Amino acid sequence: MNLSNLKPAEGSTKTKKRIGRGPGSGLGGTSTRGHKGAKSRSGYSRKIGFEGGQMPIQRRLPKFGFKNINRVEYKAINLTTLQQLAEAQQLTKVGMETLVSAGFVSSSQLVKILGRGELTLKLDVEAHAFSKSAEAAILAVGGTIVKL
């Protein structure tokens, strides 16, 4: 075997149907489009969601829900994460710059500190929001919180 005699495995490829190439091919005439009607003509395109006149699914199903335009989206950071970050970098203060440089958040995101996990280090934490349990845990070990 060499590059001059490579070919696909037997039965792995099919020949393309050459539609509309005369009656001798067996695929001439109507070119597999049937007789007359919009679908047989060039330029035909069916509307998205059209189901042959049956009521389409997007009209059969009811509307529901809404998007709250006043929603404020926070990136959640747990106490466990703060503890690990502070231990790894010997920190006493954790703020936005620290979290951004560690790759937990981007500078445009709002941060909320949540209370999952244990906090044993005394930390000064800066964030946009705190859960009640996180706030209590930080203050219990003698740390401070600053809301941005």
C-alpha atoms as a PDB file:
ATOM      1  CA  MET A   1       0.000   0.000   0.000  1.00  0.00           C
ATOM      2  CA  ASN A   2       1.195   3.496  -0.810  1.00  0.00           C
ATOM      3  CA  LEU A   3      -0.261   6.959  -1.476  1.00  0.00           C
ATOM      4  CA  SER A   4      -0.960   6.175  -5.141  1.00  0.00           C
ATOM      5  CA  ASN A   5      -3.405   3.354  -4.435  1.00  0.00           C
ATOM      6  CA  LEU A   6      -5.285   4.497  -1.313  1.00  0.00           C
ATOM      7  CA  LYS A   7      -9.059   4.129  -1.475  1.00  0.00           C
ATOM      8  CA  PRO A   8     -11.954   4.020   1.024  1.00  0.00           C
ATOM      9  CA  ALA A   9     -13.075   0.714   2.531  1.00  0.00           C
ATOM     10  CA  GLU A  10     -15.597  -1.326   0.540  1.00  0.00           C
ATOM     11  CA  GLY A  11     -19.168  -0.056   1.119  1.00  0.00           C
ATOM     12  CA  SER A  12     -18.097   2.959   3.175  1.00  0.00           C
ATOM     13  CA  THR A  13     -18.934   5.540   0.494  1.00  0.00           C
ATOM     14  CA  LYS A  14     -22.040   6.098  -1.623  1.00  0.00           C
ATOM     15  CA  THR A  15     -22.291   7.851  -4.980  1.00  0.00           C
ATOM     16  CA  LYS A  16     -24.214  11.123  -4.949  1.00  0.00           C
ATOM     17  CA  LYS A  17     -27.656  11.171  -6.635  1.00  0.00           C
ATOM     18  CA  ARG A  18     -27.303  13.310  -9.778  1.00  0.00           C
ATOM     19  CA  ILE A  19     -30.836  14.668  -9.963  1.00  0.00           C
ATOM     20  CA  GLY A  20     -32.226  16.322 -13.114  1.00  0.00           C
ATOM     21  CA  ARG A  21     -29.751  14.912 -15.628  1.00  0.00           C
ATOM     22  CA  GLY A  22     -32.155  13.509 -18.211  1.00  0.00           C
ATOM     23  CA  PRO A  23     -34.517  10.528 -18.500  1.00  0.00           C
ATOM     24  CA  GLY A  24     -31.704   7.990 -18.942  1.00  0.00           C
ATOM     25  CA  SER A  25     -30.502   8.557 -15.386  1.00  0.00           C
ATOM     26  CA  GLY A  26     -33.892   7.626 -13.949  1.00  0.00           C
ATOM     27  CA  LEU A  27     -33.834  10.852 -11.916  1.00  0.00           C
ATOM     28  CA  GLY A  28     -34.793  13.329 -14.650  1.00  0.00           C
ATOM     29  CA  GLY A  29     -38.272  14.661 -15.340  1.00  0.00           C
ATOM     30  CA  THR A  30     -39.662  15.933 -12.064  1.00  0.00           C
ATOM     31  CA  SER A  31     -36.268  15.470 -10.372  1.00  0.00           C
ATOM     32  CA  THR A  32     -37.707  13.758  -7.271  1.00  0.00           C
ATOM     33  CA  ARG A  33     -40.011  16.719  -6.539  1.00  0.00           C
ATOM     34  CA  GLY A  34     -43.336  15.126  -7.544  1.00  0.00           C
ATOM     35  CA  HIS A  35     -45.876  16.850  -9.833  1.00  0.00           C
ATOM     36  CA  LYS A  36     -46.853  20.548  -9.645  1.00  0.00           C
ATOM     37  CA  GLY A  37     -47.488  22.549  -6.472  1.00  0.00           C
ATOM     38  CA  ALA A  38     -45.327  25.007  -4.576  1.00  0.00           C
ATOM     39  CA  LYS A  39     -42.862  22.372  -3.379  1.00  0.00           C
ATOM     40  CA  SER A  40     -41.983  21.440  -6.958  1.00  0.00           C
ATOM     41  CA  ARG A  41     -41.000  24.986  -7.908  1.00  0.00           C
ATOM     42  CA  SER A  42     -37.797  26.921  -7.365  1.00  0.00           C
ATOM     43  CA  GLY A  43     -37.911  29.645  -4.726  1.00  0.00           C
ATOM     44  CA  TYR A  44     -40.187  27.641  -2.426  1.00  0.00           C
ATOM     45  CA  SER A  45     -39.446  27.933   1.281  1.00  0.00           C
ATOM     46  CA  ARG A  46     -41.743  26.909   4.110  1.00  0.00           C
ATOM     47  CA  LYS A  47     -42.230  29.274   7.044  1.00  0.00           C
ATOM     48  CA  ILE A  48     -40.402  28.285  10.235  1.00  0.00           C
ATOM     49  CA  GLY A  49     -42.810  26.371  12.473  1.00  0.00           C
ATOM     50  CA  PHE A  50     -45.337  25.659   9.691  1.00  0.00           C
ATOM     51  CA  GLU A  51     -47.013  22.284  10.268  1.00  0.00           C
ATOM     52  CA  GLY A  52     -49.091  21.897   7.107  1.00  0.00           C
ATOM     53  CA  GLY A  53     -51.955  24.063   8.349  1.00  0.00           C
ATOM     54  CA  GLN A  54     -52.242  22.284  11.706  1.00  0.00           C
ATOM     55  CA  MET A  55     -52.046  24.725  14.615  1.00  0.00           C
ATOM     56  CA  PRO A  56     -48.285  25.011  15.250  1.00  0.00           C
ATOM     57  CA  ILE A  57     -46.827  23.970  18.595  1.00  0.00           C
ATOM     58  CA  GLN A  58     -45.755  27.515  19.519  1.00  0.00           C
ATOM     59  CA  ARG A  59     -49.432  28.551  19.274  1.00  0.00           C
ATOM     60  CA  ARG A  60     -50.862  25.403  20.918  1.00  0.00           C
ATOM     61  CA  LEU A  61     -48.817  25.860  24.096  1.00  0.00           C
ATOM     62  CA  PRO A  62     -49.648  28.686  26.517  1.00  0.00           C
ATOM     63  CA  LYS A  63     -47.316  31.550  27.379  1.00  0.00           C
ATOM     64  CA  PHE A  64     -45.797  31.464  30.860  1.00  0.00           C
ATOM     65  CA  GLY A  65     -43.239  33.210  33.043  1.00  0.00           C
ATOM     66  CA  PHE A  66     -41.487  36.540  32.685  1.00  0.00           C
ATOM     67  CA  LYS A  67     -38.023  38.088  32.858  1.00  0.00           C
ATOM     68  CA  ASN A  68     -37.548  40.511  35.731  1.00  0.00           C
ATOM     69  CA  ILE A  69     -35.775  43.539  34.237  1.00  0.00           C
ATOM     70  CA  ASN A  70     -34.691  44.706  37.703  1.00  0.00           C
ATOM     71  CA  ARG A  71     -32.898  41.432  38.595  1.00  0.00           C
ATOM     72  CA  VAL A  72     -29.439  41.846  40.116  1.00  0.00           C
ATOM     73  CA  GLU A  73     -27.171  38.889  39.376  1.00  0.00           C
ATOM     74  CA  TYR A  74     -24.443  38.058  41.914  1.00  0.00           C
ATOM     75  CA  LYS A  75     -21.515  35.665  41.635  1.00  0.00           C
ATOM     76  CA  ALA A  76     -21.685  33.433  44.733  1.00  0.00           C
ATOM     77  CA  ILE A  77     -18.524  32.850  46.773  1.00  0.00           C
ATOM     78  CA  ASN A  78     -18.723  30.570  49.820  1.00  0.00           C
ATOM     79  CA  LEU A  79     -16.804  30.869  53.103  1.00  0.00           C
ATOM     80  CA  THR A  80     -14.922  27.666  52.210  1.00  0.00           C
ATOM     81  CA  THR A  81     -13.453  29.424  49.168  1.00  0.00           C
ATOM     82  CA  LEU A  82     -12.431  32.445  51.253  1.00  0.00           C
ATOM     83  CA  GLN A  83     -10.801  30.169  53.849  1.00  0.00           C
ATOM     84  CA  GLN A  84      -8.785  28.262  51.210  1.00  0.00           C
ATOM     85  CA  LEU A  85      -7.757  31.489  49.434  1.00  0.00           C
ATOM     86  CA  ALA A  86      -6.652  33.145  52.684  1.00  0.00           C
ATOM     87  CA  GLU A  87      -4.662  30.063  53.767  1.00  0.00           C
ATOM     88  CA  ALA A  88      -2.957  29.697  50.378  1.00  0.00           C
ATOM     89  CA  GLN A  89      -1.920  33.363  50.125  1.00  0.00           C
ATOM     90  CA  GLN A  90      -1.616  34.245  53.874  1.00  0.00           C
ATOM     91  CA  LEU A  91      -4.219  37.023  53.598  1.00  0.00           C
ATOM     92  CA  THR A  92      -5.982  39.066  56.250  1.00  0.00           C
ATOM     93  CA  LYS A  93      -8.083  41.089  53.802  1.00  0.00           C
ATOM     94  CA  VAL A  94     -10.117  39.649  50.918  1.00  0.00           C
ATOM     95  CA  GLY A  95     -11.562  42.121  48.430  1.00  0.00           C
ATOM     96  CA  MET A  96     -12.556  42.307  44.792  1.00  0.00           C
ATOM     97  CA  GLU A  97      -8.928  42.653  43.610  1.00  0.00           C
ATOM     98  CA  THR A  98      -7.996  39.428  45.421  1.00  0.00           C
ATOM     99  CA  LEU A  99     -10.935  37.476  43.971  1.00  0.00           C
ATOM    100  CA  VAL A 100     -10.294  38.799  40.448  1.00  0.00           C
ATOM    101  CA  SER A 101      -6.565  37.991  40.571  1.00  0.00           C
ATOM    102  CA  ALA A 102      -7.360  34.487  41.910  1.00  0.00           C
ATOM    103  CA  GLY A 103      -9.737  33.977  38.943  1.00  0.00           C
ATOM    104  CA  PHE A 104     -12.965  33.474  40.901  1.00  0.00           C
ATOM    105  CA  VAL A 105     -14.768  36.468  39.375  1.00  0.00           C
ATOM    106  CA  SER A 106     -14.335  39.008  36.614  1.00  0.00           C
ATOM    107  CA  SER A 107     -13.991  42.679  37.485  1.00  0.00           C
ATOM    108  CA  SER A 108     -17.461  43.482  36.094  1.00  0.00           C
ATOM    109  CA  GLN A 109     -19.329  40.932  38.260  1.00  0.00           C
ATOM    110  CA  LEU A 110     -21.071  41.624  41.563  1.00  0.00           C
ATOM    111  CA  VAL A 111     -20.047  39.297  44.411  1.00  0.00           C
ATOM    112  CA  LYS A 112     -22.163  37.853  47.218  1.00  0.00           C
ATOM    113  CA  ILE A 113     -20.542  35.954  50.080  1.00  0.00           C
ATOM    114  CA  LEU A 114     -22.552  32.891  51.156  1.00  0.00           C
ATOM    115  CA  GLY A 115     -22.281  30.953  54.413  1.00  0.00           C
ATOM    116  CA  ARG A 116     -21.399  27.390  53.319  1.00  0.00           C
ATOM    117  CA  GLY A 117     -18.341  26.001  55.083  1.00  0.00           C
ATOM    118  CA  GLU A 118     -16.235  27.004  58.072  1.00  0.00           C
ATOM    119  CA  LEU A 119     -14.209  30.158  58.572  1.00  0.00           C
ATOM    120  CA  THR A 120     -11.425  29.989  61.175  1.00  0.00           C
ATOM    121  CA  LEU A 121      -9.236  32.925  60.100  1.00  0.00           C
ATOM    122  CA  LYS A 122      -9.913  36.516  61.088  1.00  0.00           C
ATOM    123  CA  LEU A 123     -10.626  38.189  57.722  1.00  0.00           C
ATOM    124  CA  ASP A 124     -11.654  41.641  56.534  1.00  0.00           C
ATOM    125  CA  VAL A 125     -14.009  40.869  53.628  1.00  0.00           C
ATOM    126  CA  GLU A 126     -15.169  43.327  50.956  1.00  0.00           C
ATOM    127  CA  ALA A 127     -18.089  42.314  48.722  1.00  0.00           C
ATOM    128  CA  HIS A 128     -21.279  43.696  47.217  1.00  0.00           C
ATOM    129  CA  ALA A 129     -23.598  41.544  49.383  1.00  0.00           C
ATOM    130  CA  PHE A 130     -23.488  39.027  52.241  1.00  0.00           C
ATOM    131  CA  SER A 131     -25.917  36.347  53.367  1.00  0.00           C
ATOM    132  CA  LYS A 132     -26.939  36.553  57.041  1.00  0.00           C
ATOM    133  CA  SER A 133     -25.132  33.294  57.880  1.00  0.00           C
ATOM    134  CA  ALA A 134     -21.915  34.449  56.147  1.00  0.00           C
ATOM    135  CA  GLU A 135     -22.050  37.814  57.910  1.00  0.00           C
ATOM    136  CA  ALA A 136     -22.529  36.098  61.282  1.00  0.00           C
ATOM    137  CA  ALA A 137     -19.662  33.633  60.634  1.00  0.00           C
ATOM    138  CA  ILE A 138     -17.198  36.381  59.619  1.00  0.00           C
ATOM    139  CA  LEU A 139     -18.076  38.541  62.628  1.00  0.00           C
ATOM    140  CA  ALA A 140     -17.939  35.502  64.983  1.00  0.00           C
ATOM    141  CA  VAL A 141     -14.213  34.955  64.295  1.00  0.00           C
ATOM    142  CA  GLY A 142     -13.468  38.667  64.772  1.00  0.00           C
ATOM    143  CA  GLY A 143     -13.406  39.700  61.116  1.00  0.00           C
ATOM    144  CA  THR A 144     -15.066  42.715  59.498  1.00  0.00           C
ATOM    145  CA  ILE A 145     -17.346  43.119  56.515  1.00  0.00           C
ATOM    146  CA  VAL A 146     -17.447  46.000  54.047  1.00  0.00           C
ATOM    147  CA  LYS A 147     -20.294  46.316  51.544  1.00  0.00           C
ATOM    148  CA  LEU A 148     -19.170  47.893  48.272  1.00  0.00           C
END
